[in-house]
Structure formats: C-alpha cells, structure tokens
Amino acid sequence: MQKIVIFGATGMTGLCALEAAVKKGLSVRAFVRDPAKVPETLKDKVEIFKGDAVSDPQSVKDAVDGVDGAVIILGTRNALEPTTDLSVGTKNIIDALIEKNVTKVSVCMSAFLFYEPDKVPPRFVDLNADHERMFEIVKDCPLDWIAVFPPHISDEPSREIIVEVNPEKSPGRAVSKWDLGQFFVDCLSEPKYYKSVIGICNAPQK
C-alpha cells in the first residue's frame, strides 16, 4: 500500500486519517468539497482533489485513478434528518474503485448497525437507515472491504484499542478519533480484516 485516497478527509475522523497516512509515509489524496478546510500543515504533504462524491461521480473516478486503496469517511456533520447522501456517495465511490481496479477500501459506518432496529435511539433512526444502505452496497461489492462500525467518536488522546472481527455487538462505548483514523489507514494492508465488519473501541483506562 503506497498511495491512497481519503474521502471525507476534512471531517473530524477524516483529518485524523489524513494525518495518520502522511505520518505512515503514504502518498495521499484528500478528496474534499472545500480545499480551504485542509489544514495548512498538511496542504504541501497531500494531493488535494476537489469534488463531490454524491453529485459528481466523474470527480470520484479521477480521484481513485492510480491509487492502491481508499478510505471512505463520509458524514453529515451533525445533521440527523433523512438522507441518501452517504449511500449514494458510497455507491459512486465503490463503482469507481471497481472500474479503476482498486481493490482495497475501508468504510466508516456506525455501531448502531449492531442494534436491533427498535433499539436504535429515535433521533438516529434516519441516519442509521442510510448507514444500512451503505452497508448493503459495501458487503455486496467484490472488493476487499472493511466495514468499521465505531461507537461514539471522542476527542480523547490516542491509547490502546480493542478490535473485534465480525462481533455481534460493539466491544465498547467510545473510540478516540485519532485511533479510529489510524485504523482506517492501517487496516487496508491487513488481509485478516478484509470482507469483515469491525467493532472497535479504546481499552478501559487502568
């Protein structure tokens, strides 16, 4: 894994993945709607691709051309109303990866996907429905996908993490954005995670 593209690279977790990829020595493309949101400290270390995964599929195809892997960390900021942006954007990215013969992809979803539908908190039901559509798209694709279902994403500093493959429930209640971002990058090179659902959290503090 030498060159990757990160979709959603200026979100809370996306920025952490961007920084982790740069520190790892990878060649990194940051796919963003607003290039101004890429921090000054990273602008000269990454290749910035301006585009919109939802409304501009061609920009997605251009961004994945020539990379070894992709990280999808699409979000709605704090919006919780009904949406199809996450699933539509994911489908456009997956289609482009298949067309360009890029086989490795890690995708951010939600630990609410572990819940029975009637147990999902009401305010997250609409957003979770689009995460469900995302997951159907990802798990049905032929790529080496890693579907990460994180719990609450915190601003806590990095510390030891717990990672479970295809668990029935989340292993914990929170994960640091730094550790989550790092995992999205590192797992692309870990065949043990391919075609799997990942539960992740920080280990309890001793």
Protein backbone atom coordinates (compact mmCIF):
# COMPACT_ATOMS: atom_id res chain seq x y z
CA MET A 1 0.00 0.00 0.00
CA GLN A 2 1.73 3.13 -1.25
CA LYS A 3 -0.95 5.53 -2.47
CA ILE A 4 -4.42 6.03 -1.02
CA VAL A 5 -7.33 8.42 -1.38
CA ILE A 6 -9.39 9.55 1.61
CA PHE A 7 -13.00 10.60 1.05
CA GLY A 8 -14.30 12.89 3.77
CA ALA A 9 -10.75 13.96 4.52
CA THR A 10 -11.65 17.17 6.34
CA GLY A 11 -14.16 15.75 8.80
CA MET A 12 -13.26 15.06 12.43
CA THR A 13 -12.11 11.50 11.80
CA GLY A 14 -11.07 12.16 8.21
CA LEU A 15 -8.44 14.68 9.29
CA CYS A 16 -7.03 12.12 11.72
CA ALA A 17 -6.85 9.52 8.95
CA LEU A 18 -5.19 12.08 6.68
CA GLU A 19 -2.55 12.84 9.30
CA ALA A 20 -2.01 9.14 10.03
CA ALA A 21 -1.50 8.35 6.35
CA VAL A 22 1.03 11.15 5.96
CA LYS A 23 2.93 10.02 9.07
CA LYS A 24 2.93 6.48 7.68
CA GLY A 25 4.77 7.76 4.63
CA LEU A 26 1.99 7.07 2.16
CA SER A 27 1.24 9.16 -0.89
CA VAL A 28 -2.16 10.63 -0.02
CA ARG A 29 -5.00 12.20 -1.94
CA ALA A 30 -7.52 14.20 0.07
CA PHE A 31 -10.91 14.24 -1.64
CA VAL A 32 -12.78 17.30 -0.36
CA ARG A 33 -15.59 19.64 -1.32
CA ASP A 34 -13.75 22.63 0.15
CA PRO A 35 -9.94 22.58 -0.22
CA ALA A 36 -9.70 25.51 2.22
CA LYS A 37 -10.57 23.08 5.02
CA VAL A 38 -7.34 21.13 4.57
CA PRO A 39 -5.03 22.33 7.37
CA GLU A 40 -2.05 24.45 6.32
CA THR A 41 0.25 21.90 7.99
CA LEU A 42 -0.91 19.21 5.55
CA LYS A 43 -1.51 21.14 2.32
CA ASP A 44 2.00 20.65 0.97
CA LYS A 45 2.06 16.97 2.04
CA VAL A 46 -1.08 15.71 0.29
CA GLU A 47 -2.63 15.88 -3.16
CA ILE A 48 -5.91 17.76 -2.88
CA PHE A 49 -8.79 16.64 -5.10
CA LYS A 50 -11.84 18.90 -5.17
CA GLY A 51 -15.09 17.12 -5.84
CA ASP A 52 -18.39 15.83 -4.53
CA ALA A 53 -18.90 12.09 -4.12
CA VAL A 54 -22.68 12.49 -4.26
CA SER A 55 -23.28 14.81 -7.21
CA ASP A 56 -20.10 14.45 -9.28
CA PRO A 57 -19.20 10.80 -9.97
CA GLN A 58 -16.57 11.82 -12.53
CA SER A 59 -14.58 13.63 -9.84
CA VAL A 60 -14.60 10.39 -7.86
CA LYS A 61 -13.28 8.40 -10.83
CA ASP A 62 -10.47 10.92 -11.29
CA ALA A 63 -9.57 10.71 -7.59
CA VAL A 64 -9.30 6.91 -7.44
CA ASP A 65 -7.29 6.54 -10.64
CA GLY A 66 -3.87 5.11 -9.82
CA VAL A 67 -4.31 4.56 -6.08
CA ASP A 68 -3.84 1.29 -4.16
CA GLY A 69 -6.65 1.78 -1.67
CA ALA A 70 -9.41 4.09 -0.48
CA VAL A 71 -10.81 5.26 2.84
CA ILE A 72 -14.47 6.34 2.95
CA ILE A 73 -15.36 8.53 5.95
CA LEU A 74 -18.45 10.32 4.70
CA GLY A 75 -20.53 12.19 7.23
CA THR A 76 -23.41 14.60 7.65
CA ARG A 77 -21.67 16.79 10.24
CA ASN A 78 -24.37 17.00 12.90
CA ALA A 79 -27.38 16.70 10.59
CA LEU A 80 -29.70 13.83 11.55
CA GLU A 81 -32.59 14.29 9.12
CA PRO A 82 -33.37 11.68 6.43
CA THR A 83 -30.65 11.48 3.78
CA THR A 84 -29.32 9.29 1.00
CA ASP A 85 -26.06 11.22 0.64
CA LEU A 86 -23.96 8.62 2.46
CA SER A 87 -25.23 5.65 0.47
CA VAL A 88 -25.22 7.47 -2.88
CA GLY A 89 -21.71 8.77 -2.28
CA THR A 90 -20.54 5.32 -1.22
CA LYS A 91 -22.05 3.70 -4.31
CA ASN A 92 -20.33 6.22 -6.57
CA ILE A 93 -17.00 5.55 -4.86
CA ILE A 94 -17.38 1.75 -4.95
CA ASP A 95 -18.36 1.86 -8.63
CA ALA A 96 -15.30 3.99 -9.41
CA LEU A 97 -12.98 1.68 -7.46
CA ILE A 98 -14.28 -1.33 -9.39
CA GLU A 99 -13.90 0.48 -12.71
CA LYS A 100 -10.33 1.55 -11.89
CA ASN A 101 -9.32 -1.86 -10.47
CA VAL A 102 -8.68 -0.56 -6.94
CA THR A 103 -9.46 -3.47 -4.62
CA LYS A 104 -8.92 -2.23 -1.04
CA VAL A 105 -11.40 0.00 0.77
CA SER A 106 -12.21 0.80 4.40
CA VAL A 107 -15.55 2.41 5.22
CA CYS A 108 -16.88 4.25 8.29
CA MET A 109 -20.42 3.40 9.37
CA SER A 110 -21.89 3.21 12.90
CA ALA A 111 -22.14 0.91 15.91
CA PHE A 112 -25.92 1.40 15.73
CA LEU A 113 -25.80 -1.17 12.93
CA PHE A 114 -25.20 -3.75 15.67
CA TYR A 115 -28.54 -2.84 17.27
CA GLU A 116 -31.96 -4.33 16.66
CA PRO A 117 -33.91 -1.69 14.69
CA ASP A 118 -36.25 -0.90 17.60
CA LYS A 119 -33.26 -0.31 19.91
CA VAL A 120 -31.71 2.47 17.82
CA PRO A 121 -32.28 5.83 19.57
CA PRO A 122 -35.11 7.62 17.73
CA ARG A 123 -33.05 10.65 16.73
CA PHE A 124 -30.53 8.41 14.94
CA VAL A 125 -33.05 6.23 13.09
CA ASP A 126 -32.99 8.20 9.82
CA LEU A 127 -29.19 8.43 9.68
CA ASN A 128 -28.86 4.76 10.60
CA ALA A 129 -31.16 3.86 7.71
CA ASP A 130 -28.66 5.37 5.30
CA HIS A 131 -25.81 3.58 7.05
CA GLU A 132 -27.77 0.36 6.46
CA ARG A 133 -27.99 1.20 2.75
CA MET A 134 -24.24 1.91 2.76
CA PHE A 135 -23.52 -1.47 4.33
CA GLU A 136 -25.63 -3.32 1.75
CA ILE A 137 -23.67 -1.63 -1.05
CA VAL A 138 -20.32 -2.41 0.55
CA LYS A 139 -20.91 -6.02 1.56
CA ASP A 140 -22.31 -6.89 -1.88
CA CYS A 141 -19.32 -5.49 -3.75
CA PRO A 142 -16.39 -7.64 -4.97
CA LEU A 143 -13.68 -5.55 -3.28
CA ASP A 144 -11.58 -6.33 -0.20
CA TRP A 145 -13.76 -4.14 2.00
CA ILE A 146 -13.51 -3.38 5.71
CA ALA A 147 -16.76 -2.08 7.25
CA VAL A 148 -15.99 -0.31 10.52
CA PHE A 149 -18.86 0.21 12.98
CA PRO A 150 -17.44 2.71 15.51
CA PRO A 151 -19.22 3.69 18.73
CA HIS A 152 -19.11 7.30 19.99
CA ILE A 153 -16.09 9.02 18.42
CA SER A 154 -14.32 11.05 21.09
CA ASP A 155 -11.70 13.80 21.17
CA GLU A 156 -9.69 11.79 23.71
CA PRO A 157 -5.97 11.27 23.11
CA SER A 158 -4.81 8.08 21.44
CA ARG A 159 -4.46 4.96 23.60
CA GLU A 160 -4.73 1.18 23.33
CA ILE A 161 -7.58 -0.08 21.18
CA ILE A 162 -9.68 -3.22 21.09
CA VAL A 163 -10.54 -4.54 17.61
CA GLU A 164 -13.01 -7.38 17.05
CA VAL A 165 -13.76 -9.01 13.70
CA ASN A 166 -17.42 -9.74 12.92
CA PRO A 167 -18.64 -9.27 16.51
CA GLU A 168 -22.31 -9.41 17.44
CA LYS A 169 -22.08 -6.14 19.34
CA SER A 170 -19.68 -3.24 19.80
CA PRO A 171 -16.77 -4.07 22.12
CA GLY A 172 -17.06 -0.69 23.86
CA ARG A 173 -18.77 2.67 24.07
CA ALA A 174 -16.20 5.08 22.62
CA VAL A 175 -13.11 5.34 20.43
CA SER A 176 -10.67 8.20 20.00
CA LYS A 177 -10.84 9.94 16.64
CA TRP A 178 -7.06 9.56 16.41
CA ASP A 179 -7.15 5.81 16.88
CA LEU A 180 -10.10 5.40 14.54
CA GLY A 181 -8.44 7.47 11.80
CA GLN A 182 -5.25 5.44 12.17
CA PHE A 183 -7.18 2.18 11.90
CA PHE A 184 -8.88 3.19 8.65
CA VAL A 185 -5.43 3.62 7.09
CA ASP A 186 -3.66 0.64 8.67
CA CYS A 187 -6.40 -1.93 8.00
CA LEU A 188 -6.06 -1.52 4.23
CA SER A 189 -2.86 -3.57 4.45
CA GLU A 190 -4.29 -6.23 6.80
CA PRO A 191 -5.90 -9.17 4.94
CA LYS A 192 -7.30 -10.52 8.24
CA TYR A 193 -9.81 -7.63 8.14
CA TYR A 194 -10.95 -7.99 4.52
CA LYS A 195 -14.65 -8.61 3.86
CA SER A 196 -15.38 -8.17 7.57
CA VAL A 197 -17.32 -5.99 9.97
CA ILE A 198 -15.06 -4.39 12.56
CA GLY A 199 -16.01 -3.45 16.11
CA ILE A 200 -13.53 -1.03 17.64
CA CYS A 201 -13.13 0.90 20.89
CA ASN A 202 -10.50 2.12 23.27
CA ALA A 203 -9.43 -0.26 26.01
CA PRO A 204 -10.57 0.73 29.51
CA GLN A 205 -8.16 3.06 31.27
CA LYS A 206 -6.19 1.35 34.00
